[in-house]
Structure formats: C-alpha cells, structure tokens
Amino acid sequence: MPMQASEITDMIQAAIPDAKIEIEDLAGDGDHYKARVVSVSFAGLSRVRQHQMVYAALQGKMGGELHALALETAVE
C-alpha cells in the first residue's frame, strides 16, 4: 500500500522536530516522492549522515511501502 505524503512528513517531523519538510509526489502514485528536509540539527553532519537521519525516521518503510525517495537535505 502506498504511503501518503502526510505520513512521510509526520514520521520525519516526529524524529526531527525542528525540520522544515517539503514533499512532492513525483509520479502521482504514492510510491515515488521527492523530499526536501531542512534542519538546524544537520549542522556539522555530512550529507550521508543527514540522509541517514531521515531514512531512520522512516522506520524501515523505504523499499517497502515507500518505493523511492529523492532526498535533499540542508542546514537552516
């Protein structure tokens, strides 16, 4: 079952409370999203570590309910 954009936002927000999150459904199918996540908590972390934090927030749903996520992270 595809994930709703709001569910992705809620999961990321729960793990990274200060995050500003933009989600775009790239294919209109609920399986392919683009996310931009901006957080002060990313300061000093490598891009890889920032992405790992976001993927951890999704609690294993990547590759299952969520097929693809183009991810962009930035420090506020």
Protein backbone atom coordinates (compact mmCIF):
# COMPACT_ATOMS: atom_id res chain seq x y z
CA MET A 1 0.00 0.00 0.00
CA PRO A 2 1.46 3.39 -0.97
CA MET A 3 2.32 5.98 1.67
CA GLN A 4 0.63 9.35 1.85
CA ALA A 5 2.87 12.42 1.77
CA SER A 6 1.40 13.46 5.12
CA GLU A 7 2.56 10.18 6.69
CA ILE A 8 6.11 10.77 5.46
CA THR A 9 6.03 14.31 6.83
CA ASP A 10 4.68 13.15 10.19
CA MET A 11 7.35 10.47 10.58
CA ILE A 12 10.20 12.85 9.74
CA GLN A 13 8.75 15.57 11.97
CA ALA A 14 8.50 13.15 14.89
CA ALA A 15 12.19 12.24 14.60
CA ILE A 16 13.48 15.70 13.67
CA PRO A 17 11.09 18.13 15.38
CA ASP A 18 12.66 21.36 14.06
CA ALA A 19 12.65 20.16 10.43
CA LYS A 20 11.03 22.11 7.63
CA ILE A 21 9.76 19.50 5.19
CA GLU A 22 8.54 19.73 1.61
CA ILE A 23 7.20 16.58 -0.06
CA GLU A 24 6.38 16.21 -3.75
CA ASP A 25 4.72 13.13 -5.30
CA LEU A 26 6.79 12.71 -8.45
CA ALA A 27 4.63 10.13 -10.24
CA GLY A 28 1.23 10.64 -8.65
CA ASP A 29 1.25 7.04 -7.41
CA GLY A 30 2.18 7.46 -3.75
CA ASP A 31 5.36 5.45 -4.31
CA HIS A 32 7.82 7.97 -5.76
CA TYR A 33 8.46 11.11 -3.76
CA LYS A 34 10.91 13.96 -3.58
CA ALA A 35 11.60 15.38 -0.13
CA ARG A 36 13.49 18.46 0.98
CA VAL A 37 14.30 18.45 4.68
CA VAL A 38 15.91 21.47 6.31
CA SER A 39 17.04 21.30 9.93
CA VAL A 40 19.48 23.00 12.24
CA SER A 41 20.18 19.55 13.70
CA PHE A 42 22.02 18.69 10.46
CA ALA A 43 24.73 21.25 11.28
CA GLY A 44 28.20 19.73 11.25
CA LEU A 45 26.98 16.42 9.79
CA SER A 46 27.98 15.00 6.45
CA ARG A 47 25.31 14.79 3.75
CA VAL A 48 25.36 11.00 4.16
CA ARG A 49 24.66 11.28 7.90
CA GLN A 50 21.87 13.79 7.25
CA HIS A 51 20.23 11.36 4.83
CA GLN A 52 20.68 8.50 7.29
CA MET A 53 18.77 10.51 9.90
CA VAL A 54 15.85 10.99 7.52
CA TYR A 55 15.83 7.33 6.44
CA ALA A 56 15.93 6.25 10.11
CA ALA A 57 12.88 8.44 10.73
CA LEU A 58 11.00 6.40 8.10
CA GLN A 59 11.40 3.30 10.30
CA GLY A 60 12.15 0.74 7.60
CA LYS A 61 9.39 1.81 5.21
CA MET A 62 11.91 2.66 2.47
CA GLY A 63 11.92 -0.09 -0.11
CA GLY A 64 8.58 -1.39 1.12
CA GLU A 65 5.61 0.95 1.39
CA LEU A 66 7.80 3.76 0.10
CA HIS A 67 9.43 2.66 -3.13
CA ALA A 68 11.56 5.71 -3.97
CA LEU A 69 12.53 8.92 -2.25
CA ALA A 70 14.70 11.56 -3.90
CA LEU A 71 16.13 13.29 -0.86
CA GLU A 72 17.65 16.71 -0.42
CA THR A 73 18.81 17.88 2.99
CA ALA A 74 20.12 21.23 4.13
CA VAL A 75 21.09 23.09 7.28
CA GLU A 76 18.88 26.00 8.25
